[in-house]
């Protein structure tokens, strides 16, 4: 599946499915998506919607990868 064809909505749905089916983190789900679809990780940044971005920031914050903690909201 080419990166030019997939929409933000479809990408988010694919990532959400990976998270729910495997129990992986969003960070890992994006890596799994890229590996399964032969997409370079550098190219998916423009496909990340607000919800996925928030989830990535929350995970990074929980892992102390950010300077400031991200406020946790429930979706």
PDB file of N, CA and C in Angstrom:
ATOM      1  N   UNK A   1       0.860  -1.179   0.000  1.00  0.00           N
ATOM      2  CA  UNK A   1       0.000   0.000   0.000  1.00  0.00           C
ATOM      3  C   UNK A   1       0.897   1.230   0.000  1.00  0.00           C
ATOM      4  N   UNK A   2       0.768   2.077  -0.963  1.00  0.00           N
ATOM      5  CA  UNK A   2       1.627   3.243  -1.079  1.00  0.00           C
ATOM      6  C   UNK A   2       1.230   4.350  -0.123  1.00  0.00           C
ATOM      7  N   UNK A   3       2.211   5.089   0.321  1.00  0.00           N
ATOM      8  CA  UNK A   3       1.954   6.186   1.242  1.00  0.00           C
ATOM      9  C   UNK A   3       1.148   7.288   0.564  1.00  0.00           C
ATOM     10  N   UNK A   4       1.285   7.460  -0.735  1.00  0.00           N
ATOM     11  CA  UNK A   4       0.561   8.499  -1.452  1.00  0.00           C
ATOM     12  C   UNK A   4      -0.937   8.231  -1.491  1.00  0.00           C
ATOM     13  N   UNK A   5      -1.340   6.986  -1.342  1.00  0.00           N
ATOM     14  CA  UNK A   5      -2.737   6.606  -1.489  1.00  0.00           C
ATOM     15  C   UNK A   5      -3.495   6.681  -0.165  1.00  0.00           C
ATOM     16  N   UNK A   6      -2.849   6.398   0.924  1.00  0.00           N
ATOM     17  CA  UNK A   6      -3.531   6.292   2.213  1.00  0.00           C
ATOM     18  C   UNK A   6      -3.836   7.686   2.782  1.00  0.00           C
ATOM     19  N   UNK A   7      -5.001   7.814   3.386  1.00  0.00           N
ATOM     20  CA  UNK A   7      -5.413   9.075   4.007  1.00  0.00           C
ATOM     21  C   UNK A   7      -5.055   9.067   5.489  1.00  0.00           C
ATOM     22  N   UNK A   8      -5.124  10.236   6.114  1.00  0.00           N
ATOM     23  CA  UNK A   8      -4.898  10.330   7.554  1.00  0.00           C
ATOM     24  C   UNK A   8      -5.878   9.451   8.313  1.00  0.00           C
ATOM     25  N   UNK A   9      -7.124   9.458   7.866  1.00  0.00           N
ATOM     26  CA  UNK A   9      -8.162   8.671   8.542  1.00  0.00           C
ATOM     27  C   UNK A   9      -7.868   7.182   8.451  1.00  0.00           C
ATOM     28  N   UNK A  10      -7.478   6.729   7.275  1.00  0.00           N
ATOM     29  CA  UNK A  10      -7.177   5.306   7.071  1.00  0.00           C
ATOM     30  C   UNK A  10      -5.945   4.902   7.872  1.00  0.00           C
ATOM     31  N   UNK A  11      -4.925   5.756   7.881  1.00  0.00           N
ATOM     32  CA  UNK A  11      -3.715   5.484   8.652  1.00  0.00           C
ATOM     33  C   UNK A  11      -4.052   5.359  10.132  1.00  0.00           C
ATOM     34  N   UNK A  12      -4.848   6.306  10.649  1.00  0.00           N
ATOM     35  CA  UNK A  12      -5.244   6.268  12.058  1.00  0.00           C
ATOM     36  C   UNK A  12      -6.007   4.989  12.372  1.00  0.00           C
ATOM     37  N   UNK A  13      -6.894   4.595  11.479  1.00  0.00           N
ATOM     38  CA  UNK A  13      -7.660   3.366  11.680  1.00  0.00           C
ATOM     39  C   UNK A  13      -6.747   2.148  11.707  1.00  0.00           C
ATOM     40  N   UNK A  14      -5.790   2.099  10.798  1.00  0.00           N
ATOM     41  CA  UNK A  14      -4.837   0.984  10.753  1.00  0.00           C
ATOM     42  C   UNK A  14      -4.014   0.922  12.037  1.00  0.00           C
ATOM     43  N   UNK A  15      -3.529   2.075  12.491  1.00  0.00           N
ATOM     44  CA  UNK A  15      -2.729   2.120  13.721  1.00  0.00           C
ATOM     45  C   UNK A  15      -3.583   1.710  14.917  1.00  0.00           C
ATOM     46  N   UNK A  16      -4.798   2.237  15.014  1.00  0.00           N
ATOM     47  CA  UNK A  16      -5.708   1.870  16.112  1.00  0.00           C
ATOM     48  C   UNK A  16      -5.968   0.359  16.115  1.00  0.00           C
ATOM     49  N   UNK A  17      -6.183  -0.221  14.948  1.00  0.00           N
ATOM     50  CA  UNK A  17      -6.407  -1.669  14.857  1.00  0.00           C
ATOM     51  C   UNK A  17      -5.208  -2.449  15.374  1.00  0.00           C
ATOM     52  N   UNK A  18      -4.013  -2.012  15.011  1.00  0.00           N
ATOM     53  CA  UNK A  18      -2.805  -2.695  15.490  1.00  0.00           C
ATOM     54  C   UNK A  18      -2.711  -2.600  17.008  1.00  0.00           C
ATOM     55  N   UNK A  19      -2.981  -1.416  17.553  1.00  0.00           N
ATOM     56  CA  UNK A  19      -2.925  -1.226  19.006  1.00  0.00           C
ATOM     57  C   UNK A  19      -3.908  -2.159  19.707  1.00  0.00           C
ATOM     58  N   UNK A  20      -5.134  -2.212  19.203  1.00  0.00           N
ATOM     59  CA  UNK A  20      -6.162  -3.019  19.869  1.00  0.00           C
ATOM     60  C   UNK A  20      -5.961  -4.513  19.659  1.00  0.00           C
ATOM     61  N   UNK A  21      -5.483  -4.924  18.499  1.00  0.00           N
ATOM     62  CA  UNK A  21      -5.287  -6.348  18.227  1.00  0.00           C
ATOM     63  C   UNK A  21      -4.062  -6.916  18.918  1.00  0.00           C
ATOM     64  N   UNK A  22      -2.989  -6.121  19.024  1.00  0.00           N
ATOM     65  CA  UNK A  22      -1.736  -6.643  19.572  1.00  0.00           C
ATOM     66  C   UNK A  22      -1.464  -6.183  20.998  1.00  0.00           C
ATOM     67  N   UNK A  23      -2.170  -5.135  21.441  1.00  0.00           N
ATOM     68  CA  UNK A  23      -1.897  -4.588  22.760  1.00  0.00           C
ATOM     69  C   UNK A  23      -0.612  -3.779  22.810  1.00  0.00           C
ATOM     70  N   UNK A  24      -0.084  -3.438  21.650  1.00  0.00           N
ATOM     71  CA  UNK A  24       1.169  -2.674  21.593  1.00  0.00           C
ATOM     72  C   UNK A  24       0.905  -1.194  21.836  1.00  0.00           C
ATOM     73  N   UNK A  25       1.969  -0.457  22.005  1.00  0.00           N
ATOM     74  CA  UNK A  25       1.872   0.987  22.160  1.00  0.00           C
ATOM     75  C   UNK A  25       1.632   1.609  20.786  1.00  0.00           C
ATOM     76  N   UNK A  26       1.274   2.884  20.779  1.00  0.00           N
ATOM     77  CA  UNK A  26       1.095   3.590  19.504  1.00  0.00           C
ATOM     78  C   UNK A  26       2.426   3.728  18.778  1.00  0.00           C
ATOM     79  N   UNK A  27       3.481   3.937  19.536  1.00  0.00           N
ATOM     80  CA  UNK A  27       4.812   4.029  18.936  1.00  0.00           C
ATOM     81  C   UNK A  27       5.127   2.732  18.197  1.00  0.00           C
ATOM     82  N   UNK A  28       4.933   1.600  18.863  1.00  0.00           N
ATOM     83  CA  UNK A  28       5.196   0.306  18.239  1.00  0.00           C
ATOM     84  C   UNK A  28       4.238   0.017  17.097  1.00  0.00           C
ATOM     85  N   UNK A  29       2.976   0.423  17.249  1.00  0.00           N
ATOM     86  CA  UNK A  29       1.984   0.184  16.198  1.00  0.00           C
ATOM     87  C   UNK A  29       2.373   0.888  14.904  1.00  0.00           C
ATOM     88  N   UNK A  30       2.893   2.099  15.015  1.00  0.00           N
ATOM     89  CA  UNK A  30       3.330   2.821  13.819  1.00  0.00           C
ATOM     90  C   UNK A  30       4.524   2.105  13.191  1.00  0.00           C
ATOM     91  N   UNK A  31       5.438   1.636  14.021  1.00  0.00           N
ATOM     92  CA  UNK A  31       6.580   0.887  13.499  1.00  0.00           C
ATOM     93  C   UNK A  31       6.137  -0.405  12.819  1.00  0.00           C
ATOM     94  N   UNK A  32       5.171  -1.100  13.422  1.00  0.00           N
ATOM     95  CA  UNK A  32       4.627  -2.326  12.824  1.00  0.00           C
ATOM     96  C   UNK A  32       3.974  -2.011  11.485  1.00  0.00           C
ATOM     97  N   UNK A  33       3.179  -0.941  11.448  1.00  0.00           N
ATOM     98  CA  UNK A  33       2.526  -0.535  10.201  1.00  0.00           C
ATOM     99  C   UNK A  33       3.572  -0.292   9.117  1.00  0.00           C
ATOM    100  N   UNK A  34       4.604   0.457   9.459  1.00  0.00           N
ATOM    101  CA  UNK A  34       5.641   0.778   8.473  1.00  0.00           C
ATOM    102  C   UNK A  34       6.344  -0.478   7.976  1.00  0.00           C
ATOM    103  N   UNK A  35       6.654  -1.370   8.887  1.00  0.00           N
ATOM    104  CA  UNK A  35       7.326  -2.609   8.497  1.00  0.00           C
ATOM    105  C   UNK A  35       6.432  -3.470   7.610  1.00  0.00           C
ATOM    106  N   UNK A  36       5.170  -3.621   7.989  1.00  0.00           N
ATOM    107  CA  UNK A  36       4.237  -4.451   7.222  1.00  0.00           C
ATOM    108  C   UNK A  36       3.935  -3.888   5.840  1.00  0.00           C
ATOM    109  N   UNK A  37       4.048  -2.563   5.689  1.00  0.00           N
ATOM    110  CA  UNK A  37       3.685  -1.910   4.433  1.00  0.00           C
ATOM    111  C   UNK A  37       4.881  -1.324   3.686  1.00  0.00           C
ATOM    112  N   UNK A  38       6.084  -1.693   4.123  1.00  0.00           N
ATOM    113  CA  UNK A  38       7.319  -1.226   3.478  1.00  0.00           C
ATOM    114  C   UNK A  38       7.343   0.290   3.312  1.00  0.00           C
ATOM    115  N   UNK A  39       7.012   0.996   4.395  1.00  0.00           N
ATOM    116  CA  UNK A  39       7.001   2.456   4.398  1.00  0.00           C
ATOM    117  C   UNK A  39       8.101   2.930   5.342  1.00  0.00           C
ATOM    118  N   UNK A  40       8.869   3.907   4.898  1.00  0.00           N
ATOM    119  CA  UNK A  40       9.902   4.481   5.760  1.00  0.00           C
ATOM    120  C   UNK A  40       9.231   5.300   6.861  1.00  0.00           C
ATOM    121  N   UNK A  41       9.701   5.122   8.084  1.00  0.00           N
ATOM    122  CA  UNK A  41       9.101   5.785   9.238  1.00  0.00           C
ATOM    123  C   UNK A  41       9.100   7.306   9.075  1.00  0.00           C
ATOM    124  N   UNK A  42      10.094   7.839   8.401  1.00  0.00           N
ATOM    125  CA  UNK A  42      10.193   9.283   8.203  1.00  0.00           C
ATOM    126  C   UNK A  42       9.042   9.837   7.369  1.00  0.00           C
ATOM    127  N   UNK A  43       8.373   8.993   6.605  1.00  0.00           N
ATOM    128  CA  UNK A  43       7.331   9.454   5.691  1.00  0.00           C
ATOM    129  C   UNK A  43       5.939   9.488   6.305  1.00  0.00           C
ATOM    130  N   UNK A  44       5.736   8.926   7.497  1.00  0.00           N
ATOM    131  CA  UNK A  44       4.386   8.853   8.060  1.00  0.00           C
ATOM    132  C   UNK A  44       4.014  10.053   8.927  1.00  0.00           C
ATOM    133  N   UNK A  45       4.939  10.944   9.185  1.00  0.00           N
ATOM    134  CA  UNK A  45       4.668  12.095  10.039  1.00  0.00           C
ATOM    135  C   UNK A  45       3.467  12.902   9.588  1.00  0.00           C
ATOM    136  N   UNK A  46       3.317  13.072   8.294  1.00  0.00           N
ATOM    137  CA  UNK A  46       2.203  13.872   7.775  1.00  0.00           C
ATOM    138  C   UNK A  46       0.868  13.133   7.848  1.00  0.00           C
ATOM    139  N   UNK A  47       0.895  11.848   8.192  1.00  0.00           N
ATOM    140  CA  UNK A  47      -0.344  11.070   8.304  1.00  0.00           C
ATOM    141  C   UNK A  47      -0.876  10.994   9.734  1.00  0.00           C
ATOM    142  N   UNK A  48      -0.108  11.482  10.679  1.00  0.00           N
ATOM    143  CA  UNK A  48      -0.496  11.375  12.087  1.00  0.00           C
ATOM    144  C   UNK A  48      -1.518  12.449  12.421  1.00  0.00           C
ATOM    145  N   UNK A  49      -2.714  12.008  12.833  1.00  0.00           N
ATOM    146  CA  UNK A  49      -3.778  12.957  13.184  1.00  0.00           C
ATOM    147  C   UNK A  49      -3.635  13.399  14.649  1.00  0.00           C
ATOM    148  N   UNK A  50      -4.528  14.263  15.101  1.00  0.00           N
ATOM    149  CA  UNK A  50      -4.426  14.833  16.451  1.00  0.00           C
ATOM    150  C   UNK A  50      -4.518  13.775  17.542  1.00  0.00           C
ATOM    151  N   UNK A  51      -5.415  12.802  17.382  1.00  0.00           N
ATOM    152  CA  UNK A  51      -5.572  11.773  18.416  1.00  0.00           C
ATOM    153  C   UNK A  51      -4.320  10.914  18.523  1.00  0.00           C
ATOM    154  N   UNK A  52      -3.783  10.482  17.379  1.00  0.00           N
ATOM    155  CA  UNK A  52      -2.570   9.662  17.402  1.00  0.00           C
ATOM    156  C   UNK A  52      -1.408  10.468  17.967  1.00  0.00           C
ATOM    157  N   UNK A  53      -1.311  11.732  17.587  1.00  0.00           N
ATOM    158  CA  UNK A  53      -0.248  12.594  18.106  1.00  0.00           C
ATOM    159  C   UNK A  53      -0.349  12.700  19.625  1.00  0.00           C
ATOM    160  N   UNK A  54      -1.564  12.901  20.122  1.00  0.00           N
ATOM    161  CA  UNK A  54      -1.747  12.990  21.572  1.00  0.00           C
ATOM    162  C   UNK A  54      -1.313  11.682  22.246  1.00  0.00           C
ATOM    163  N   UNK A  55      -1.720  10.552  21.679  1.00  0.00           N
ATOM    164  CA  UNK A  55      -1.354   9.258  22.262  1.00  0.00           C
ATOM    165  C   UNK A  55       0.158   9.049  22.248  1.00  0.00           C
ATOM    166  N   UNK A  56       0.817   9.458  21.173  1.00  0.00           N
ATOM    167  CA  UNK A  56       2.275   9.363  21.100  1.00  0.00           C
ATOM    168  C   UNK A  56       2.933  10.249  22.149  1.00  0.00           C
ATOM    169  N   UNK A  57       2.420  11.465  22.302  1.00  0.00           N
ATOM    170  CA  UNK A  57       2.965  12.372  23.307  1.00  0.00           C
ATOM    171  C   UNK A  57       2.769  11.823  24.714  1.00  0.00           C
ATOM    172  N   UNK A  58       1.613  11.238  24.971  1.00  0.00           N
ATOM    173  CA  UNK A  58       1.335  10.653  26.290  1.00  0.00           C
ATOM    174  C   UNK A  58       2.297   9.503  26.578  1.00  0.00           C
ATOM    175  N   UNK A  59       2.492   8.632  25.582  1.00  0.00           N
ATOM    176  CA  UNK A  59       3.418   7.512  25.763  1.00  0.00           C
ATOM    177  C   UNK A  59       4.840   8.015  25.999  1.00  0.00           C
ATOM    178  N   UNK A  60       5.265   8.986  25.205  1.00  0.00           N
ATOM    179  CA  UNK A  60       6.607   9.541  25.361  1.00  0.00           C
ATOM    180  C   UNK A  60       6.760  10.194  26.731  1.00  0.00           C
ATOM    181  N   UNK A  61       5.718  10.864  27.195  1.00  0.00           N
ATOM    182  CA  UNK A  61       5.747  11.488  28.508  1.00  0.00           C
ATOM    183  C   UNK A  61       5.847  10.429  29.602  1.00  0.00           C
ATOM    184  N   UNK A  62       5.077   9.370  29.468  1.00  0.00           N
ATOM    185  CA  UNK A  62       5.116   8.279  30.456  1.00  0.00           C
ATOM    186  C   UNK A  62       6.493   7.624  30.518  1.00  0.00           C
ATOM    187  N   UNK A  63       7.200   7.635  29.386  1.00  0.00           N
ATOM    188  CA  UNK A  63       8.540   7.044  29.314  1.00  0.00           C
ATOM    189  C   UNK A  63       9.637   8.068  29.609  1.00  0.00           C
ATOM    190  N   UNK A  64       9.226   9.252  30.082  1.00  0.00           N
ATOM    191  CA  UNK A  64      10.155  10.344  30.397  1.00  0.00           C
ATOM    192  C   UNK A  64      11.005  10.744  29.201  1.00  0.00           C
ATOM    193  N   UNK A  65      10.400  10.753  28.032  1.00  0.00           N
ATOM    194  CA  UNK A  65      11.099  11.137  26.811  1.00  0.00           C
ATOM    195  C   UNK A  65      10.839  12.603  26.443  1.00  0.00           C
ATOM    196  N   UNK A  66      10.001  13.282  27.207  1.00  0.00           N
ATOM    197  CA  UNK A  66       9.671  14.680  26.951  1.00  0.00           C
ATOM    198  C   UNK A  66      10.123  15.528  28.129  1.00  0.00           C
ATOM    199  N   UNK A  67      10.399  16.788  27.855  1.00  0.00           N
ATOM    200  CA  UNK A  67      10.808  17.699  28.928  1.00  0.00           C
ATOM    201  C   UNK A  67       9.670  17.965  29.893  1.00  0.00           C
ATOM    202  N   UNK A  68       8.451  18.079  29.353  1.00  0.00           N
ATOM    203  CA  UNK A  68       7.286  18.368  30.193  1.00  0.00           C
ATOM    204  C   UNK A  68       6.290  17.215  30.096  1.00  0.00           C
ATOM    205  N   UNK A  69       5.606  16.970  31.185  1.00  0.00           N
ATOM    206  CA  UNK A  69       4.575  15.943  31.193  1.00  0.00           C
ATOM    207  C   UNK A  69       3.373  16.411  30.375  1.00  0.00           C
ATOM    208  N   UNK A  70       2.718  15.482  29.685  1.00  0.00           N
ATOM    209  CA  UNK A  70       1.526  15.774  28.910  1.00  0.00           C
ATOM    210  C   UNK A  70       0.323  15.505  29.800  1.00  0.00           C
ATOM    211  N   UNK A  71      -0.610  16.446  29.812  1.00  0.00           N
ATOM    212  CA  UNK A  71      -1.841  16.273  30.593  1.00  0.00           C
ATOM    213  C   UNK A  71      -2.631  15.122  29.997  1.00  0.00           C
ATOM    214  N   UNK A  72      -3.109  14.231  30.833  1.00  0.00           N
ATOM    215  CA  UNK A  72      -3.816  13.053  30.334  1.00  0.00           C
ATOM    216  C   UNK A  72      -5.305  13.303  30.214  1.00  0.00           C
ATOM    217  N   UNK A  73      -5.823  13.153  29.013  1.00  0.00           N
ATOM    218  CA  UNK A  73      -7.243  13.249  28.735  1.00  0.00           C
ATOM    219  C   UNK A  73      -7.727  11.891  28.278  1.00  0.00           C
ATOM    220  N   UNK A  74      -8.972  11.583  28.538  1.00  0.00           N
ATOM    221  CA  UNK A  74      -9.545  10.322  28.081  1.00  0.00           C
ATOM    222  C   UNK A  74     -10.308  10.543  26.789  1.00  0.00           C
ATOM    223  N   UNK A  75     -10.160   9.616  25.861  1.00  0.00           N
ATOM    224  CA  UNK A  75     -10.909   9.648  24.599  1.00  0.00           C
ATOM    225  C   UNK A  75     -12.055   8.692  24.679  1.00  0.00           C
TER     226      UNK A  75
END
